[in-house]
Amino acid sequence: MDSKSKANDFFSRFVNWFSAIGNEKESTNRDGGGQDPFSRLMNRISE
């Protein structure tokens, strides 16, 4: 296994560990039902 794979493996384990210790929060919408500008941008990018 090369060092790049080991680094990616370590990063994946760290992210999985870090996400396991937190609680998922409810989605938030702005008053009037719209999303905030950052959420709209991220949704547009992910489409």
PDB file of N, CA and C in Angstrom:
ATOM      1  N   MET A   1       0.868  -1.192   0.000  1.00  0.00           N
ATOM      2  CA  MET A   1       0.000   0.000   0.000  1.00  0.00           C
ATOM      3  C   MET A   1       0.901   1.238   0.000  1.00  0.00           C
ATOM      4  N   ASP A   2       0.647   2.169  -0.894  1.00  0.00           N
ATOM      5  CA  ASP A   2       1.476   3.362  -0.940  1.00  0.00           C
ATOM      6  C   ASP A   2       1.011   4.383   0.100  1.00  0.00           C
ATOM      7  N   SER A   3       1.835   5.397   0.309  1.00  0.00           N
ATOM      8  CA  SER A   3       1.544   6.373   1.363  1.00  0.00           C
ATOM      9  C   SER A   3       0.291   7.188   1.068  1.00  0.00           C
ATOM     10  N   LYS A   4      -0.012   7.411  -0.226  1.00  0.00           N
ATOM     11  CA  LYS A   4      -1.215   8.175  -0.569  1.00  0.00           C
ATOM     12  C   LYS A   4      -2.474   7.413  -0.152  1.00  0.00           C
ATOM     13  N   SER A   5      -2.486   6.099  -0.376  1.00  0.00           N
ATOM     14  CA  SER A   5      -3.630   5.291   0.041  1.00  0.00           C
ATOM     15  C   SER A   5      -3.776   5.290   1.550  1.00  0.00           C
ATOM     16  N   LYS A   6      -2.656   5.224   2.254  1.00  0.00           N
ATOM     17  CA  LYS A   6      -2.695   5.253   3.715  1.00  0.00           C
ATOM     18  C   LYS A   6      -3.244   6.585   4.211  1.00  0.00           C
ATOM     19  N   ALA A   7      -2.837   7.672   3.568  1.00  0.00           N
ATOM     20  CA  ALA A   7      -3.319   8.994   3.970  1.00  0.00           C
ATOM     21  C   ALA A   7      -4.816   9.102   3.728  1.00  0.00           C
ATOM     22  N   ASN A   8      -5.292   8.612   2.577  1.00  0.00           N
ATOM     23  CA  ASN A   8      -6.721   8.652   2.281  1.00  0.00           C
ATOM     24  C   ASN A   8      -7.491   7.781   3.255  1.00  0.00           C
ATOM     25  N   ASP A   9      -6.934   6.629   3.589  1.00  0.00           N
ATOM     26  CA  ASP A   9      -7.565   5.718   4.524  1.00  0.00           C
ATOM     27  C   ASP A   9      -7.692   6.373   5.900  1.00  0.00           C
ATOM     28  N   PHE A  10      -6.632   7.011   6.345  1.00  0.00           N
ATOM     29  CA  PHE A  10      -6.656   7.701   7.630  1.00  0.00           C
ATOM     30  C   PHE A  10      -7.696   8.814   7.619  1.00  0.00           C
ATOM     31  N   PHE A  11      -7.738   9.573   6.539  1.00  0.00           N
ATOM     32  CA  PHE A  11      -8.698  10.665   6.432  1.00  0.00           C
ATOM     33  C   PHE A  11     -10.125  10.138   6.458  1.00  0.00           C
ATOM     34  N   SER A  12     -10.377   9.048   5.739  1.00  0.00           N
ATOM     35  CA  SER A  12     -11.718   8.451   5.728  1.00  0.00           C
ATOM     36  C   SER A  12     -12.129   7.988   7.112  1.00  0.00           C
ATOM     37  N   ARG A  13     -11.212   7.327   7.820  1.00  0.00           N
ATOM     38  CA  ARG A  13     -11.520   6.879   9.186  1.00  0.00           C
ATOM     39  C   ARG A  13     -11.792   8.062  10.098  1.00  0.00           C
ATOM     40  N   PHE A  14     -10.998   9.132   9.952  1.00  0.00           N
ATOM     41  CA  PHE A  14     -11.191  10.321  10.781  1.00  0.00           C
ATOM     42  C   PHE A  14     -12.554  10.956  10.523  1.00  0.00           C
ATOM     43  N   VAL A  15     -12.921  11.097   9.254  1.00  0.00           N
ATOM     44  CA  VAL A  15     -14.215  11.698   8.912  1.00  0.00           C
ATOM     45  C   VAL A  15     -15.357  10.845   9.441  1.00  0.00           C
ATOM     46  N   ASN A  16     -15.246   9.527   9.279  1.00  0.00           N
ATOM     47  CA  ASN A  16     -16.287   8.640   9.798  1.00  0.00           C
ATOM     48  C   ASN A  16     -16.404   8.739  11.317  1.00  0.00           C
ATOM     49  N   TRP A  17     -15.268   8.788  11.999  1.00  0.00           N
ATOM     50  CA  TRP A  17     -15.273   8.919  13.460  1.00  0.00           C
ATOM     51  C   TRP A  17     -15.894  10.259  13.851  1.00  0.00           C
ATOM     52  N   PHE A  18     -15.485  11.321  13.162  1.00  0.00           N
ATOM     53  CA  PHE A  18     -15.955  12.661  13.510  1.00  0.00           C
ATOM     54  C   PHE A  18     -17.451  12.786  13.286  1.00  0.00           C
ATOM     55  N   SER A  19     -17.965  12.209  12.211  1.00  0.00           N
ATOM     56  CA  SER A  19     -19.397  12.313  11.932  1.00  0.00           C
ATOM     57  C   SER A  19     -20.210  11.448  12.894  1.00  0.00           C
ATOM     58  N   ALA A  20     -19.614  10.400  13.424  1.00  0.00           N
ATOM     59  CA  ALA A  20     -20.328   9.524  14.348  1.00  0.00           C
ATOM     60  C   ALA A  20     -20.537  10.183  15.716  1.00  0.00           C
ATOM     61  N   ILE A  21     -19.685  11.146  16.083  1.00  0.00           N
ATOM     62  CA  ILE A  21     -19.822  11.753  17.412  1.00  0.00           C
ATOM     63  C   ILE A  21     -20.823  12.907  17.425  1.00  0.00           C
ATOM     64  N   GLY A  22     -21.242  13.366  16.267  1.00  0.00           N
ATOM     65  CA  GLY A  22     -22.174  14.489  16.205  1.00  0.00           C
ATOM     66  C   GLY A  22     -23.605  14.034  16.008  1.00  0.00           C
ATOM     67  N   ASN A  23     -24.511  14.957  16.200  1.00  0.00           N
ATOM     68  CA  ASN A  23     -25.931  14.694  15.960  1.00  0.00           C
ATOM     69  C   ASN A  23     -26.351  15.422  14.693  1.00  0.00           C
ATOM     70  N   GLU A  24     -27.158  14.759  13.898  1.00  0.00           N
ATOM     71  CA  GLU A  24     -27.654  15.394  12.687  1.00  0.00           C
ATOM     72  C   GLU A  24     -28.718  16.409  13.074  1.00  0.00           C
ATOM     73  N   LYS A  25     -28.575  17.598  12.555  1.00  0.00           N
ATOM     74  CA  LYS A  25     -29.521  18.661  12.882  1.00  0.00           C
ATOM     75  C   LYS A  25     -30.603  18.737  11.821  1.00  0.00           C
ATOM     76  N   GLU A  26     -31.732  19.258  12.227  1.00  0.00           N
ATOM     77  CA  GLU A  26     -32.833  19.443  11.283  1.00  0.00           C
ATOM     78  C   GLU A  26     -32.454  20.505  10.263  1.00  0.00           C
ATOM     79  N   SER A  27     -33.013  20.387   9.063  1.00  0.00           N
ATOM     80  CA  SER A  27     -32.747  21.400   8.059  1.00  0.00           C
ATOM     81  C   SER A  27     -33.413  22.704   8.478  1.00  0.00           C
ATOM     82  N   THR A  28     -32.789  23.787   8.104  1.00  0.00           N
ATOM     83  CA  THR A  28     -33.327  25.089   8.475  1.00  0.00           C
ATOM     84  C   THR A  28     -33.723  25.847   7.219  1.00  0.00           C
ATOM     85  N   ASN A  29     -34.829  26.488   7.284  1.00  0.00           N
ATOM     86  CA  ASN A  29     -35.302  27.348   6.199  1.00  0.00           C
ATOM     87  C   ASN A  29     -35.468  28.753   6.730  1.00  0.00           C
ATOM     88  N   ARG A  30     -35.352  29.692   5.860  1.00  0.00           N
ATOM     89  CA  ARG A  30     -35.544  31.081   6.251  1.00  0.00           C
ATOM     90  C   ARG A  30     -37.031  31.382   6.383  1.00  0.00           C
ATOM     91  N   ASP A  31     -37.328  32.500   6.995  1.00  0.00           N
ATOM     92  CA  ASP A  31     -38.724  32.930   7.109  1.00  0.00           C
ATOM     93  C   ASP A  31     -39.317  33.048   5.708  1.00  0.00           C
ATOM     94  N   GLY A  32     -40.520  32.549   5.544  1.00  0.00           N
ATOM     95  CA  GLY A  32     -41.156  32.582   4.244  1.00  0.00           C
ATOM     96  C   GLY A  32     -40.906  31.314   3.444  1.00  0.00           C
ATOM     97  N   GLY A  33     -40.139  30.363   4.008  1.00  0.00           N
ATOM     98  CA  GLY A  33     -39.947  29.076   3.356  1.00  0.00           C
ATOM     99  C   GLY A  33     -38.764  28.973   2.429  1.00  0.00           C
ATOM    100  N   GLY A  34     -38.017  30.057   2.190  1.00  0.00           N
ATOM    101  CA  GLY A  34     -36.874  29.999   1.283  1.00  0.00           C
ATOM    102  C   GLY A  34     -35.619  29.521   1.978  1.00  0.00           C
ATOM    103  N   GLN A  35     -34.671  29.042   1.194  1.00  0.00           N
ATOM    104  CA  GLN A  35     -33.388  28.625   1.745  1.00  0.00           C
ATOM    105  C   GLN A  35     -32.430  29.805   1.767  1.00  0.00           C
ATOM    106  N   ASP A  36     -31.415  29.700   2.622  1.00  0.00           N
ATOM    107  CA  ASP A  36     -30.406  30.751   2.654  1.00  0.00           C
ATOM    108  C   ASP A  36     -29.551  30.672   1.381  1.00  0.00           C
ATOM    109  N   PRO A  37     -28.853  31.735   1.037  1.00  0.00           N
ATOM    110  CA  PRO A  37     -28.086  31.766  -0.222  1.00  0.00           C
ATOM    111  C   PRO A  37     -27.037  30.662  -0.317  1.00  0.00           C
ATOM    112  N   PHE A  38     -26.384  30.313   0.782  1.00  0.00           N
ATOM    113  CA  PHE A  38     -25.374  29.267   0.751  1.00  0.00           C
ATOM    114  C   PHE A  38     -26.003  27.915   0.410  1.00  0.00           C
ATOM    115  N   SER A  39     -27.160  27.624   1.001  1.00  0.00           N
ATOM    116  CA  SER A  39     -27.844  26.357   0.713  1.00  0.00           C
ATOM    117  C   SER A  39     -28.285  26.297  -0.739  1.00  0.00           C
ATOM    118  N   ARG A  40     -28.786  27.395  -1.270  1.00  0.00           N
ATOM    119  CA  ARG A  40     -29.182  27.414  -2.683  1.00  0.00           C
ATOM    120  C   ARG A  40     -27.981  27.153  -3.584  1.00  0.00           C
ATOM    121  N   LEU A  41     -26.831  27.777  -3.261  1.00  0.00           N
ATOM    122  CA  LEU A  41     -25.618  27.590  -4.048  1.00  0.00           C
ATOM    123  C   LEU A  41     -25.178  26.132  -4.004  1.00  0.00           C
ATOM    124  N   MET A  42     -25.158  25.537  -2.818  1.00  0.00           N
ATOM    125  CA  MET A  42     -24.706  24.159  -2.681  1.00  0.00           C
ATOM    126  C   MET A  42     -25.661  23.206  -3.386  1.00  0.00           C
ATOM    127  N   ASN A  43     -26.959  23.469  -3.331  1.00  0.00           N
ATOM    128  CA  ASN A  43     -27.913  22.642  -4.037  1.00  0.00           C
ATOM    129  C   ASN A  43     -27.727  22.734  -5.540  1.00  0.00           C
ATOM    130  N   ARG A  44     -27.441  23.924  -6.029  1.00  0.00           N
ATOM    131  CA  ARG A  44     -27.226  24.110  -7.466  1.00  0.00           C
ATOM    132  C   ARG A  44     -25.964  23.380  -7.917  1.00  0.00           C
ATOM    133  N   ILE A  45     -24.901  23.427  -7.095  1.00  0.00           N
ATOM    134  CA  ILE A  45     -23.654  22.758  -7.434  1.00  0.00           C
ATOM    135  C   ILE A  45     -23.851  21.240  -7.459  1.00  0.00           C
ATOM    136  N   SER A  46     -24.629  20.723  -6.517  1.00  0.00           N
ATOM    137  CA  SER A  46     -24.764  19.268  -6.382  1.00  0.00           C
ATOM    138  C   SER A  46     -25.722  18.652  -7.378  1.00  0.00           C
ATOM    139  N   GLU A  47     -26.430  19.448  -8.144  1.00  0.00           N
ATOM    140  CA  GLU A  47     -27.379  18.885  -9.129  1.00  0.00           C
ATOM    141  C   GLU A  47     -26.673  18.275 -10.293  1.00  0.00           C
TER     142      GLU A  47
END
